[in-house]
Protein backbone atom coordinates (compact mmCIF):
# COMPACT_ATOMS: atom_id res chain seq x y z
CA UNK A 1 0.00 0.00 0.00
CA UNK A 2 1.22 3.51 -0.73
CA UNK A 3 2.13 5.82 2.11
CA UNK A 4 -1.11 7.29 3.55
CA UNK A 5 0.75 10.57 4.13
CA UNK A 6 0.84 11.09 0.35
CA UNK A 7 -2.89 10.61 -0.12
CA UNK A 8 -4.64 13.65 1.38
CA UNK A 9 -6.82 14.16 4.46
CA UNK A 10 -6.40 11.54 7.18
CA UNK A 11 -8.50 10.32 10.11
CA UNK A 12 -7.79 8.29 13.24
CA UNK A 13 -10.39 6.10 14.95
CA UNK A 14 -9.11 4.75 18.23
CA UNK A 15 -10.60 2.18 20.57
CA UNK A 16 -10.03 -1.07 22.37
CA UNK A 17 -11.69 -3.02 19.52
CA UNK A 18 -12.40 -5.85 21.94
CA UNK A 19 -13.35 -7.25 19.47
CA UNK A 20 -13.79 -5.10 16.37
CA UNK A 21 -17.27 -5.47 14.89
CA UNK A 22 -19.42 -4.34 11.98
CA UNK A 23 -20.49 -1.20 13.81
CA UNK A 24 -16.87 -0.01 13.98
CA UNK A 25 -16.28 -0.89 10.36
CA UNK A 26 -19.44 0.73 8.99
CA UNK A 27 -18.72 3.90 10.97
CA UNK A 28 -15.16 4.05 9.59
CA UNK A 29 -16.29 3.55 6.00
CA UNK A 30 -19.20 5.98 6.16
CA UNK A 31 -17.02 8.69 7.68
CA UNK A 32 -14.22 8.12 5.19
CA UNK A 33 -16.60 8.65 2.28
CA UNK A 34 -18.78 11.38 3.79
CA UNK A 35 -15.82 13.49 4.92
CA UNK A 36 -13.73 12.73 1.80
CA UNK A 37 -10.89 11.29 3.87
CA UNK A 38 -8.25 9.64 1.75
CA UNK A 39 -7.34 7.29 4.59
CA UNK A 40 -8.58 6.26 8.03
CA UNK A 41 -6.40 4.55 10.61
CA UNK A 42 -7.95 2.24 13.20
CA UNK A 43 -5.73 2.51 16.27
CA UNK A 44 -6.09 -0.17 18.98
CA UNK A 45 -5.40 1.07 22.49
CA UNK A 46 -3.01 -1.10 24.49
CA UNK A 47 -3.71 0.36 27.95
CA UNK A 48 -6.77 2.64 27.81
CA UNK A 49 -6.46 5.23 30.60
CA UNK A 50 -10.20 5.55 31.29
CA UNK A 51 -11.21 1.89 31.55
CA UNK A 52 -9.84 -1.46 32.66
CA UNK A 53 -7.14 -3.03 30.50
CA UNK A 54 -8.91 -5.61 28.28
CA UNK A 55 -8.24 -9.24 29.18
CA UNK A 56 -7.77 -9.93 25.46
CA UNK A 57 -4.22 -8.91 24.59
CA UNK A 58 -3.48 -5.87 22.46
CA UNK A 59 -1.74 -8.14 19.97
CA UNK A 60 -4.87 -10.24 19.46
CA UNK A 61 -7.05 -7.14 19.17
CA UNK A 62 -4.77 -5.59 16.55
CA UNK A 63 -4.65 -8.86 14.60
CA UNK A 64 -8.46 -8.91 14.51
CA UNK A 65 -8.53 -5.31 13.22
CA UNK A 66 -6.14 -6.28 10.43
CA UNK A 67 -8.30 -9.25 9.46
CA UNK A 68 -11.46 -7.11 9.50
CA UNK A 69 -10.12 -4.45 7.11
CA UNK A 70 -8.22 -6.76 4.78
CA UNK A 71 -8.88 -5.77 1.19
CA UNK A 72 -10.03 -2.20 1.94
CA UNK A 73 -7.16 0.16 0.97
CA UNK A 74 -8.75 3.21 2.61
CA UNK A 75 -8.47 1.63 6.06
CA UNK A 76 -5.39 0.51 7.97
CA UNK A 77 -4.44 -0.71 11.44
CA UNK A 78 -2.03 1.59 13.28
CA UNK A 79 -0.18 -0.35 15.97
CA UNK A 80 1.83 2.51 17.48
CA UNK A 81 0.10 2.40 20.88
CA UNK A 82 1.01 -1.26 21.24
CA UNK A 83 4.68 -0.32 21.01
CA UNK A 84 4.67 2.18 23.90
CA UNK A 85 4.88 1.37 27.59
CA UNK A 86 2.27 2.76 29.95
CA UNK A 87 -1.19 4.21 29.26
CA UNK A 88 -2.24 4.87 25.65
CA UNK A 89 -2.56 8.65 25.63
CA UNK A 90 -4.20 9.90 22.45
CA UNK A 91 -2.36 13.21 22.46
CA UNK A 92 0.99 11.38 22.20
CA UNK A 93 -0.21 9.40 19.18
CA UNK A 94 -1.47 12.55 17.47
CA UNK A 95 1.81 14.32 18.08
CA UNK A 96 3.71 11.42 16.48
CA UNK A 97 1.33 11.35 13.51
CA UNK A 98 1.66 15.09 12.99
CA UNK A 99 5.44 14.73 12.88
CA UNK A 100 5.09 11.95 10.29
CA UNK A 101 2.50 13.65 8.09
CA UNK A 102 3.98 17.14 8.15
CA UNK A 103 2.38 20.46 8.96
CA UNK A 104 -0.03 20.74 6.03
CA UNK A 105 -1.93 17.42 5.96
CA UNK A 106 -5.43 17.44 7.46
CA UNK A 107 -5.68 15.01 10.37
CA UNK A 108 -8.91 14.30 12.30
CA UNK A 109 -9.38 12.40 15.54
CA UNK A 110 -12.72 10.60 15.52
CA UNK A 111 -14.46 10.23 18.87
CA UNK A 112 -17.89 9.16 19.99
CA UNK A 113 -20.42 11.36 21.73
CA UNK A 114 -19.81 9.60 25.06
CA UNK A 115 -16.09 10.35 24.81
CA UNK A 116 -16.86 14.02 24.21
CA UNK A 117 -18.92 14.13 27.40
CA UNK A 118 -15.89 12.96 29.39
CA UNK A 119 -13.26 14.81 27.39
CA UNK A 120 -12.18 17.04 30.27
CA UNK A 121 -10.80 13.93 32.01
CA UNK A 122 -8.49 13.10 29.11
CA UNK A 123 -4.74 13.59 29.48
CA UNK A 124 -3.77 17.04 28.08
CA UNK A 125 -7.08 17.19 26.22
CA UNK A 126 -6.74 20.84 25.29
CA UNK A 127 -3.63 19.99 23.25
CA UNK A 128 -5.51 17.64 20.91
CA UNK A 129 -6.34 20.49 18.52
CA UNK A 130 -2.67 21.44 18.31
CA UNK A 131 -2.18 18.31 16.22
CA UNK A 132 -5.56 17.39 14.73
CA UNK A 133 -9.19 18.27 14.30
CA UNK A 134 -11.71 16.52 16.55
CA UNK A 135 -14.58 14.86 14.71
CA UNK A 136 -17.42 13.93 17.06
CA UNK A 137 -19.86 11.20 16.04
CA UNK A 138 -23.35 11.86 17.38
CA UNK A 139 -26.60 10.03 16.88
CA UNK A 140 -29.40 12.09 15.28
CA UNK A 141 -31.00 14.28 17.92
CA UNK A 142 -28.07 14.13 20.36
CA UNK A 143 -27.67 17.23 22.52
CA UNK A 144 -24.19 18.70 22.85
CA UNK A 145 -22.87 19.98 26.19
CA UNK A 146 -24.18 23.50 26.77
CA UNK A 147 -22.24 24.47 29.89
CA UNK A 148 -18.83 23.82 31.37
CA UNK A 149 -15.33 23.81 29.93
CA UNK A 150 -16.05 21.31 27.14
CA UNK A 151 -19.04 23.40 26.00
CA UNK A 152 -16.88 26.54 25.99
CA UNK A 153 -14.19 24.69 24.03
CA UNK A 154 -16.79 23.55 21.47
CA UNK A 155 -18.07 27.07 20.93
CA UNK A 156 -14.55 28.41 20.51
CA UNK A 157 -13.29 25.83 18.04
CA UNK A 158 -16.32 24.50 16.17
CA UNK A 159 -15.86 24.56 12.39
CA UNK A 160 -18.17 26.75 10.33
CA UNK A 161 -18.64 23.98 7.79
CA UNK A 162 -17.41 20.49 6.95
CA UNK A 163 -14.96 21.80 4.36
CA UNK A 164 -12.79 23.41 7.03
CA UNK A 165 -11.89 19.97 8.34
CA UNK A 166 -10.24 18.88 5.11
CA UNK A 167 -8.87 22.28 4.08
CA UNK A 168 -7.12 23.04 7.37
CA UNK A 169 -4.54 20.77 8.99
CA UNK A 170 -5.88 20.90 12.57
CA UNK A 171 -7.60 23.05 15.16
CA UNK A 172 -11.33 22.60 14.49
CA UNK A 173 -14.19 20.56 15.97
CA UNK A 174 -16.89 19.11 13.74
CA UNK A 175 -19.96 17.13 14.79
CA UNK A 176 -21.27 14.58 12.31
CA UNK A 177 -24.52 12.70 12.82
CA UNK A 178 -24.52 8.99 11.94
CA UNK A 179 -27.13 6.29 12.44
CA UNK A 180 -24.73 3.91 14.16
CA UNK A 181 -25.35 0.18 14.02
CA UNK A 182 -26.59 -1.01 17.43
CA UNK A 183 -23.74 -3.47 18.02
CA UNK A 184 -21.40 -3.52 20.99
CA UNK A 185 -18.24 -5.42 21.80
CA UNK A 186 -19.67 -6.10 25.27
CA UNK A 187 -22.68 -7.80 23.67
CA UNK A 188 -20.45 -9.93 21.46
CA UNK A 189 -18.26 -11.02 24.37
CA UNK A 190 -21.37 -11.93 26.34
CA UNK A 191 -22.73 -14.07 23.52
CA UNK A 192 -19.45 -15.91 23.10
CA UNK A 193 -19.03 -16.47 26.84
CA UNK A 194 -22.53 -17.99 27.03
CA UNK A 195 -21.92 -20.25 24.04
CA UNK A 196 -24.27 -18.38 21.70
CA UNK A 197 -23.54 -17.31 18.14
CA UNK A 198 -22.11 -13.87 17.32
CA UNK A 199 -22.31 -14.51 13.60
CA UNK A 200 -23.18 -11.49 11.39
CA UNK A 201 -22.24 -9.02 14.14
CA UNK A 202 -18.60 -9.03 13.09
CA UNK A 203 -16.61 -10.25 10.07
CA UNK A 204 -16.43 -14.02 9.73
CA UNK A 205 -12.62 -13.85 9.56
CA UNK A 206 -12.60 -12.19 12.99
CA UNK A 207 -15.03 -14.72 14.42
CA UNK A 208 -12.89 -17.56 13.07
CA UNK A 209 -9.81 -15.98 14.70
CA UNK A 210 -11.63 -15.73 18.03
CA UNK A 211 -12.58 -19.41 17.91
CA UNK A 212 -9.12 -20.48 16.78
CA UNK A 213 -7.40 -18.74 19.68
CA UNK A 214 -10.05 -19.47 22.29
CA UNK A 215 -10.75 -15.81 23.02
CA UNK A 216 -13.67 -14.68 25.23
CA UNK A 217 -14.48 -18.21 26.43
């Protein structure tokens, strides 16, 4: 695959992906096309700071991401957080990516609405816009914070239109409404632990990998 840095606007979708499922994948594809991103990186978190470390290893979770996106050149698995010791701080990953991509390439961090609500608890959260835009995924009808430091930050940095996200390299916040598929990794783990089928909730290659390695038993 050619270097994503040569291809135009970029996006990063982080998460534990424990395991990755069709909801993650559909969200990544829909955003890539709707926002005209040339490339979207799925970035597994090794040690998420705001939740318990997954019992499934980061290596297994990254391998499942790679299986899930095989054959789709606009998506890739970025393993950088697996290579660092300690908590997986998003701001550190964005800083590294900015150094790699250069000053002019548009880079967007994709986060869910729930993450936005707790953004003030993130490590050095105000520095995120120094390296990237923040693209918030909200369900239709979601209400954004209207008071507090995150609400003030939104008002200060919100993009006037979608085009600013791809024209500028970083510094803006954009909220995009998506009808997300109602699938959760927690649900999938529960089905597998109870001996039920998780088929059609995630790619078959990922399900085969889970069974092969005895994950989530």
